[in-house]
């Protein structure tokens, strides 16, 4: 996530890197404040608790785990109990589109209500560019 930290720093932002003792890698040079956690689950919860919004960039299984947990916490309203409310969840498309499309099928599994749409789908906003992320965050931060 060095590129996102660099962009934030170059724009004058305060960058926080949440790292984990499980991995030997330290925070990248664009991080101002490092928060070190003991385990991967603790790292994910720290990310969720400290975030003002969640922007899910292309990544691997760790990013998928982070997306899944924050999305589920928002869907079941436990996020509001844990960290004080609903927050923007912006997911980069087309990279994560297949994951979103897979979960959109939940309504199709219910034959009694084939046109039912999962409330979980209303939580996620698909974005296609950094500019769209900034516009969305600025618009919803007023």
N, C-alpha and C. Protein backbone atom coordinates (compact mmCIF):
# COMPACT_ATOMS: atom_id res chain seq x y z
N UNK A 1 0.81 -1.18 0.00
CA UNK A 1 0.00 0.00 0.00
C UNK A 1 0.86 1.26 0.00
N UNK A 2 2.09 1.09 -0.42
CA UNK A 2 3.01 2.21 -0.46
C UNK A 2 2.51 3.34 -1.36
N UNK A 3 1.92 2.98 -2.50
CA UNK A 3 1.44 4.01 -3.43
C UNK A 3 0.35 4.87 -2.80
N UNK A 4 -0.58 4.26 -2.08
CA UNK A 4 -1.65 5.04 -1.46
C UNK A 4 -1.10 5.93 -0.34
N UNK A 5 -0.14 5.40 0.43
CA UNK A 5 0.47 6.21 1.49
C UNK A 5 1.25 7.38 0.88
N UNK A 6 1.94 7.12 -0.19
CA UNK A 6 2.70 8.19 -0.85
C UNK A 6 1.76 9.28 -1.34
N UNK A 7 0.68 8.87 -1.99
CA UNK A 7 -0.29 9.84 -2.49
C UNK A 7 -0.88 10.68 -1.37
N UNK A 8 -1.21 10.02 -0.27
CA UNK A 8 -1.78 10.74 0.87
C UNK A 8 -0.76 11.73 1.46
N UNK A 9 0.48 11.31 1.60
CA UNK A 9 1.52 12.19 2.14
C UNK A 9 1.78 13.36 1.22
N UNK A 10 1.87 13.09 -0.07
CA UNK A 10 2.14 14.17 -1.03
C UNK A 10 0.99 15.18 -1.08
N UNK A 11 -0.21 14.73 -0.67
CA UNK A 11 -1.36 15.64 -0.61
C UNK A 11 -1.47 16.31 0.75
N UNK A 12 -0.50 16.04 1.63
CA UNK A 12 -0.48 16.69 2.95
C UNK A 12 -1.18 15.90 4.04
N UNK A 13 -1.52 14.65 3.78
CA UNK A 13 -2.24 13.85 4.76
C UNK A 13 -1.33 13.22 5.81
N UNK A 14 -1.95 12.85 6.90
CA UNK A 14 -1.27 12.13 7.98
C UNK A 14 -1.48 10.64 7.72
N UNK A 15 -0.41 9.89 7.54
CA UNK A 15 -0.53 8.48 7.20
C UNK A 15 -0.25 7.60 8.41
N UNK A 16 -1.08 6.59 8.56
CA UNK A 16 -0.94 5.63 9.65
C UNK A 16 -0.82 4.25 9.02
N UNK A 17 0.22 3.52 9.38
CA UNK A 17 0.40 2.17 8.89
C UNK A 17 0.15 1.19 10.02
N UNK A 18 -0.76 0.25 9.80
CA UNK A 18 -1.04 -0.77 10.81
C UNK A 18 -0.31 -2.04 10.37
N UNK A 19 0.73 -2.37 11.12
CA UNK A 19 1.55 -3.53 10.78
C UNK A 19 1.34 -4.64 11.81
N UNK A 20 1.94 -5.77 11.54
CA UNK A 20 1.68 -6.95 12.35
C UNK A 20 2.98 -7.68 12.65
N UNK A 21 3.16 -8.09 13.89
CA UNK A 21 4.38 -8.79 14.29
C UNK A 21 4.57 -10.12 13.57
N UNK A 22 3.50 -10.68 13.04
CA UNK A 22 3.59 -11.94 12.32
C UNK A 22 4.50 -11.81 11.10
N UNK A 23 4.50 -10.62 10.50
CA UNK A 23 5.33 -10.38 9.32
C UNK A 23 6.53 -9.53 9.73
N UNK A 24 7.64 -9.76 9.10
CA UNK A 24 8.86 -9.02 9.45
C UNK A 24 8.89 -7.63 8.83
N UNK A 25 8.11 -7.40 7.80
CA UNK A 25 8.13 -6.10 7.11
C UNK A 25 7.66 -4.98 8.04
N UNK A 26 8.33 -3.86 7.94
CA UNK A 26 7.96 -2.66 8.70
C UNK A 26 7.12 -1.75 7.81
N UNK A 27 6.65 -0.67 8.36
CA UNK A 27 5.87 0.30 7.60
C UNK A 27 6.74 0.91 6.50
N UNK A 28 6.10 1.27 5.40
CA UNK A 28 6.84 1.87 4.29
C UNK A 28 7.27 3.30 4.64
N UNK A 29 8.19 3.87 3.86
CA UNK A 29 8.76 5.18 4.22
C UNK A 29 7.76 6.35 4.20
N UNK A 30 6.58 6.15 3.64
CA UNK A 30 5.59 7.23 3.56
C UNK A 30 4.68 7.27 4.79
N UNK A 31 4.86 6.34 5.69
CA UNK A 31 4.05 6.27 6.90
C UNK A 31 4.64 7.18 7.97
N UNK A 32 3.80 8.02 8.57
CA UNK A 32 4.21 8.90 9.65
C UNK A 32 4.09 8.18 10.99
N UNK A 33 3.00 7.45 11.16
CA UNK A 33 2.71 6.80 12.43
C UNK A 33 2.48 5.30 12.20
N UNK A 34 3.27 4.48 12.87
CA UNK A 34 3.10 3.03 12.75
C UNK A 34 2.40 2.50 14.00
N UNK A 35 1.37 1.69 13.78
CA UNK A 35 0.68 0.99 14.86
C UNK A 35 0.99 -0.49 14.66
N UNK A 36 1.69 -1.06 15.61
CA UNK A 36 2.13 -2.45 15.51
C UNK A 36 1.16 -3.34 16.29
N UNK A 37 0.66 -4.38 15.66
CA UNK A 37 -0.25 -5.31 16.32
C UNK A 37 0.42 -6.68 16.44
N UNK A 38 -0.12 -7.52 17.30
CA UNK A 38 0.47 -8.84 17.53
C UNK A 38 0.01 -9.89 16.52
N UNK A 39 -1.23 -9.77 16.04
CA UNK A 39 -1.78 -10.82 15.17
C UNK A 39 -2.55 -10.21 14.00
N UNK A 40 -2.81 -11.04 13.01
CA UNK A 40 -3.56 -10.59 11.84
C UNK A 40 -4.99 -10.17 12.23
N UNK A 41 -5.71 -10.96 13.03
CA UNK A 41 -7.06 -10.49 13.44
C UNK A 41 -7.02 -9.15 14.18
N UNK A 42 -6.02 -8.97 15.04
CA UNK A 42 -5.88 -7.69 15.75
C UNK A 42 -5.60 -6.56 14.76
N UNK A 43 -4.80 -6.84 13.75
CA UNK A 43 -4.51 -5.84 12.72
C UNK A 43 -5.78 -5.40 12.00
N UNK A 44 -6.59 -6.38 11.59
CA UNK A 44 -7.82 -6.05 10.88
C UNK A 44 -8.75 -5.22 11.76
N UNK A 45 -8.92 -5.60 13.03
CA UNK A 45 -9.79 -4.83 13.91
C UNK A 45 -9.24 -3.42 14.14
N UNK A 46 -7.93 -3.27 14.21
CA UNK A 46 -7.34 -1.95 14.37
C UNK A 46 -7.61 -1.10 13.14
N UNK A 47 -7.48 -1.69 11.96
CA UNK A 47 -7.79 -0.96 10.72
C UNK A 47 -9.24 -0.48 10.73
N UNK A 48 -10.14 -1.37 11.11
CA UNK A 48 -11.56 -1.03 11.13
C UNK A 48 -11.85 0.06 12.16
N UNK A 49 -11.29 -0.09 13.35
CA UNK A 49 -11.55 0.88 14.42
C UNK A 49 -10.99 2.26 14.10
N UNK A 50 -9.85 2.31 13.44
CA UNK A 50 -9.19 3.61 13.21
C UNK A 50 -9.64 4.29 11.92
N UNK A 51 -10.32 3.56 11.04
CA UNK A 51 -10.68 4.11 9.74
C UNK A 51 -11.86 5.07 9.80
N UNK A 52 -11.76 6.14 9.02
CA UNK A 52 -12.89 7.05 8.83
C UNK A 52 -13.73 6.62 7.64
N UNK A 53 -13.09 5.87 6.75
CA UNK A 53 -13.73 5.31 5.56
C UNK A 53 -12.86 4.13 5.14
N UNK A 54 -13.39 3.28 4.28
CA UNK A 54 -12.65 2.11 3.84
C UNK A 54 -12.60 2.13 2.32
N UNK A 55 -11.39 2.17 1.80
CA UNK A 55 -11.18 2.15 0.35
C UNK A 55 -10.43 0.86 0.05
N UNK A 56 -11.09 -0.05 -0.66
CA UNK A 56 -10.53 -1.36 -0.90
C UNK A 56 -9.91 -1.38 -2.30
N UNK A 57 -8.58 -1.38 -2.31
CA UNK A 57 -7.82 -1.38 -3.56
C UNK A 57 -7.55 -2.82 -3.99
N UNK A 58 -7.08 -3.02 -5.21
CA UNK A 58 -6.72 -4.38 -5.63
C UNK A 58 -5.72 -4.99 -4.65
N UNK A 59 -5.91 -6.25 -4.34
CA UNK A 59 -5.04 -6.93 -3.40
C UNK A 59 -5.29 -8.42 -3.42
N UNK A 60 -4.82 -9.09 -2.40
CA UNK A 60 -4.93 -10.54 -2.34
C UNK A 60 -5.89 -10.99 -1.25
N UNK A 61 -5.59 -12.15 -0.68
CA UNK A 61 -6.50 -12.73 0.30
C UNK A 61 -6.59 -11.91 1.59
N UNK A 62 -5.52 -11.23 1.96
CA UNK A 62 -5.56 -10.37 3.15
C UNK A 62 -6.53 -9.21 2.94
N UNK A 63 -6.49 -8.61 1.76
CA UNK A 63 -7.41 -7.52 1.43
C UNK A 63 -8.84 -8.04 1.37
N UNK A 64 -9.01 -9.23 0.83
CA UNK A 64 -10.34 -9.84 0.78
C UNK A 64 -10.88 -10.07 2.19
N UNK A 65 -10.03 -10.53 3.10
CA UNK A 65 -10.44 -10.74 4.50
C UNK A 65 -10.85 -9.42 5.14
N UNK A 66 -10.09 -8.35 4.88
CA UNK A 66 -10.42 -7.03 5.42
C UNK A 66 -11.75 -6.54 4.88
N UNK A 67 -11.96 -6.69 3.56
CA UNK A 67 -13.22 -6.29 2.94
C UNK A 67 -14.37 -7.08 3.54
N UNK A 68 -14.22 -8.39 3.64
CA UNK A 68 -15.29 -9.24 4.14
C UNK A 68 -15.68 -8.88 5.56
N UNK A 69 -14.70 -8.65 6.42
CA UNK A 69 -15.02 -8.37 7.82
C UNK A 69 -15.68 -7.02 8.00
N UNK A 70 -15.15 -5.97 7.37
CA UNK A 70 -15.77 -4.66 7.55
C UNK A 70 -17.16 -4.64 6.93
N UNK A 71 -17.33 -5.30 5.80
CA UNK A 71 -18.63 -5.36 5.13
C UNK A 71 -19.63 -6.10 6.02
N UNK A 72 -19.23 -7.23 6.59
CA UNK A 72 -20.13 -8.00 7.44
C UNK A 72 -20.46 -7.23 8.72
N UNK A 73 -19.48 -6.55 9.29
CA UNK A 73 -19.74 -5.77 10.49
C UNK A 73 -20.73 -4.64 10.20
N UNK A 74 -20.63 -4.03 9.04
CA UNK A 74 -21.57 -2.98 8.67
C UNK A 74 -22.95 -3.58 8.38
N UNK A 75 -22.97 -4.72 7.71
CA UNK A 75 -24.22 -5.38 7.36
C UNK A 75 -25.01 -5.81 8.59
N UNK A 76 -24.31 -6.28 9.60
CA UNK A 76 -24.99 -6.75 10.81
C UNK A 76 -25.06 -5.66 11.89
N UNK A 77 -24.68 -4.45 11.54
CA UNK A 77 -24.74 -3.28 12.43
C UNK A 77 -23.78 -3.35 13.60
N UNK A 78 -22.90 -4.31 13.62
CA UNK A 78 -21.95 -4.38 14.73
C UNK A 78 -20.88 -3.31 14.60
N UNK A 79 -20.66 -2.79 13.38
CA UNK A 79 -19.68 -1.72 13.21
C UNK A 79 -20.11 -0.50 14.01
N UNK A 80 -21.39 -0.17 13.98
CA UNK A 80 -21.84 1.01 14.72
C UNK A 80 -21.62 0.82 16.21
N UNK A 81 -21.78 -0.39 16.70
CA UNK A 81 -21.54 -0.66 18.12
C UNK A 81 -20.04 -0.62 18.43
N UNK A 82 -19.24 -1.09 17.49
CA UNK A 82 -17.80 -1.21 17.72
C UNK A 82 -17.08 0.11 17.57
N UNK A 83 -17.37 0.84 16.49
CA UNK A 83 -16.59 2.04 16.19
C UNK A 83 -17.42 3.29 15.96
N UNK A 84 -18.69 3.24 16.24
CA UNK A 84 -19.46 4.46 16.25
C UNK A 84 -20.20 4.83 14.99
N UNK A 85 -20.51 3.90 14.13
CA UNK A 85 -21.38 4.25 13.02
C UNK A 85 -21.00 3.69 11.68
N UNK A 86 -21.84 3.97 10.73
CA UNK A 86 -21.63 3.56 9.35
C UNK A 86 -20.59 4.47 8.71
N UNK A 87 -19.74 3.90 7.89
CA UNK A 87 -18.70 4.66 7.22
C UNK A 87 -18.67 4.26 5.76
N UNK A 88 -18.17 5.12 4.88
CA UNK A 88 -18.11 4.76 3.46
C UNK A 88 -17.25 3.52 3.23
N UNK A 89 -17.76 2.62 2.39
CA UNK A 89 -17.02 1.43 1.96
C UNK A 89 -16.93 1.48 0.44
N UNK A 90 -15.78 1.93 -0.04
CA UNK A 90 -15.56 2.12 -1.48
C UNK A 90 -14.67 0.99 -1.98
N UNK A 91 -15.11 0.33 -3.03
CA UNK A 91 -14.43 -0.86 -3.54
C UNK A 91 -14.06 -0.64 -5.00
N UNK A 92 -12.78 -0.84 -5.31
CA UNK A 92 -12.30 -0.59 -6.68
C UNK A 92 -12.83 -1.64 -7.65
N UNK A 93 -13.42 -1.13 -8.70
CA UNK A 93 -13.90 -1.94 -9.80
C UNK A 93 -13.06 -1.57 -11.03
N UNK A 94 -12.77 -2.46 -11.91
CA UNK A 94 -13.36 -3.78 -12.07
C UNK A 94 -12.71 -4.89 -11.24
N UNK A 95 -11.62 -4.60 -10.51
CA UNK A 95 -10.88 -5.65 -9.82
C UNK A 95 -11.76 -6.49 -8.90
N UNK A 96 -12.55 -5.86 -8.02
CA UNK A 96 -13.36 -6.59 -7.05
C UNK A 96 -14.77 -6.89 -7.56
N UNK A 97 -15.08 -6.49 -8.77
CA UNK A 97 -16.43 -6.71 -9.32
C UNK A 97 -16.86 -8.18 -9.27
N UNK A 98 -16.00 -9.14 -9.58
CA UNK A 98 -16.45 -10.55 -9.50
C UNK A 98 -16.87 -10.97 -8.09
N UNK A 99 -16.21 -10.44 -7.07
CA UNK A 99 -16.58 -10.75 -5.69
C UNK A 99 -17.95 -10.16 -5.39
N UNK A 100 -18.15 -8.92 -5.78
CA UNK A 100 -19.43 -8.25 -5.55
C UNK A 100 -20.54 -8.99 -6.30
N UNK A 101 -20.28 -9.34 -7.56
CA UNK A 101 -21.27 -10.05 -8.38
C UNK A 101 -21.64 -11.40 -7.75
N UNK A 102 -20.66 -12.07 -7.20
CA UNK A 102 -20.92 -13.36 -6.54
C UNK A 102 -21.89 -13.17 -5.38
N UNK A 103 -21.69 -12.15 -4.58
CA UNK A 103 -22.54 -11.92 -3.41
C UNK A 103 -23.90 -11.34 -3.79
N UNK A 104 -23.99 -10.70 -4.95
CA UNK A 104 -25.29 -10.20 -5.42
C UNK A 104 -26.26 -11.34 -5.70
N UNK A 105 -25.72 -12.53 -5.89
CA UNK A 105 -26.56 -13.70 -6.20
C UNK A 105 -27.36 -14.18 -4.99
N UNK A 106 -27.09 -13.64 -3.82
CA UNK A 106 -27.79 -14.07 -2.61
C UNK A 106 -29.31 -13.99 -2.79
N UNK A 107 -29.77 -12.92 -3.41
CA UNK A 107 -31.21 -12.76 -3.65
C UNK A 107 -31.76 -13.82 -4.58
N UNK A 108 -30.95 -14.27 -5.52
CA UNK A 108 -31.40 -15.29 -6.48
C UNK A 108 -31.53 -16.66 -5.84
N UNK A 109 -30.88 -16.86 -4.70
CA UNK A 109 -30.96 -18.15 -4.01
C UNK A 109 -32.30 -18.34 -3.32
N UNK A 110 -33.00 -17.24 -3.07
CA UNK A 110 -34.28 -17.30 -2.38
C UNK A 110 -35.39 -17.35 -3.42
N UNK A 111 -35.89 -18.55 -3.71
CA UNK A 111 -36.90 -18.71 -4.78
C UNK A 111 -38.23 -18.07 -4.42
N UNK A 112 -38.52 -17.89 -3.11
CA UNK A 112 -39.77 -17.26 -2.71
C UNK A 112 -39.78 -15.77 -3.05
N UNK A 113 -38.61 -15.13 -3.07
CA UNK A 113 -38.49 -13.71 -3.36
C UNK A 113 -37.34 -13.50 -4.35
N UNK A 114 -37.50 -13.89 -5.61
CA UNK A 114 -36.38 -13.83 -6.55
C UNK A 114 -35.87 -12.42 -6.85
N UNK A 115 -36.65 -11.39 -6.56
CA UNK A 115 -36.22 -10.02 -6.85
C UNK A 115 -35.73 -9.29 -5.61
N UNK A 116 -35.64 -10.03 -4.49
CA UNK A 116 -35.16 -9.45 -3.25
C UNK A 116 -33.69 -9.08 -3.40
N UNK A 117 -33.33 -7.91 -2.92
CA UNK A 117 -31.94 -7.46 -2.97
C UNK A 117 -31.40 -7.40 -1.55
N UNK A 118 -30.26 -8.00 -1.35
CA UNK A 118 -29.64 -8.01 -0.03
C UNK A 118 -29.31 -6.59 0.41
N UNK A 119 -29.63 -6.24 1.65
CA UNK A 119 -29.25 -4.91 2.15
C UNK A 119 -27.73 -4.73 2.17
N UNK A 120 -27.00 -5.82 2.18
CA UNK A 120 -25.53 -5.73 2.17
C UNK A 120 -25.03 -5.04 0.90
N UNK A 121 -25.77 -5.15 -0.19
CA UNK A 121 -25.35 -4.54 -1.45
C UNK A 121 -25.42 -3.02 -1.39
N UNK A 122 -26.26 -2.50 -0.53
CA UNK A 122 -26.41 -1.04 -0.41
C UNK A 122 -25.25 -0.41 0.35
N UNK A 123 -24.45 -1.22 1.02
CA UNK A 123 -23.33 -0.73 1.81
C UNK A 123 -22.13 -0.39 0.94
N UNK A 124 -21.95 -1.16 -0.13
CA UNK A 124 -20.76 -1.04 -0.97
C UNK A 124 -20.99 -0.05 -2.10
N UNK A 125 -19.99 0.80 -2.33
CA UNK A 125 -20.00 1.70 -3.47
C UNK A 125 -18.83 1.33 -4.36
N UNK A 126 -19.12 0.96 -5.60
CA UNK A 126 -18.05 0.65 -6.54
C UNK A 126 -17.49 1.93 -7.12
N UNK A 127 -16.18 2.02 -7.19
CA UNK A 127 -15.49 3.17 -7.77
C UNK A 127 -14.47 2.66 -8.77
N UNK A 128 -14.12 3.51 -9.72
CA UNK A 128 -13.20 3.07 -10.77
C UNK A 128 -11.91 3.87 -10.85
N UNK A 129 -11.77 4.92 -10.02
CA UNK A 129 -10.57 5.74 -10.10
C UNK A 129 -10.32 6.43 -8.76
N UNK A 130 -9.08 6.84 -8.53
CA UNK A 130 -8.79 7.61 -7.31
C UNK A 130 -9.60 8.91 -7.26
N UNK A 131 -9.82 9.54 -8.40
CA UNK A 131 -10.60 10.77 -8.44
C UNK A 131 -12.03 10.53 -7.95
N UNK A 132 -12.59 9.40 -8.35
CA UNK A 132 -13.95 9.06 -7.92
C UNK A 132 -14.00 8.83 -6.41
N UNK A 133 -12.96 8.23 -5.86
CA UNK A 133 -12.87 8.03 -4.41
C UNK A 133 -12.88 9.38 -3.70
N UNK A 134 -12.02 10.28 -4.14
CA UNK A 134 -11.91 11.61 -3.52
C UNK A 134 -13.24 12.35 -3.63
N UNK A 135 -13.87 12.33 -4.80
CA UNK A 135 -15.16 13.00 -4.98
C UNK A 135 -16.21 12.44 -4.03
N UNK A 136 -16.27 11.12 -3.94
CA UNK A 136 -17.26 10.48 -3.06
C UNK A 136 -17.02 10.85 -1.60
N UNK A 137 -15.76 10.78 -1.17
CA UNK A 137 -15.44 11.11 0.22
C UNK A 137 -15.72 12.58 0.53
N UNK A 138 -15.37 13.48 -0.38
CA UNK A 138 -15.64 14.90 -0.18
C UNK A 138 -17.13 15.18 -0.13
N UNK A 139 -17.90 14.55 -1.01
CA UNK A 139 -19.35 14.76 -1.08
C UNK A 139 -20.04 14.26 0.19
N UNK A 140 -19.58 13.15 0.73
CA UNK A 140 -20.23 12.55 1.90
C UNK A 140 -19.62 12.98 3.22
N UNK A 141 -18.67 13.89 3.18
CA UNK A 141 -18.03 14.38 4.40
C UNK A 141 -18.57 15.75 4.80
N UNK A 142 -19.58 16.22 4.11
CA UNK A 142 -20.12 17.55 4.39
C UNK A 142 -21.21 17.51 5.42
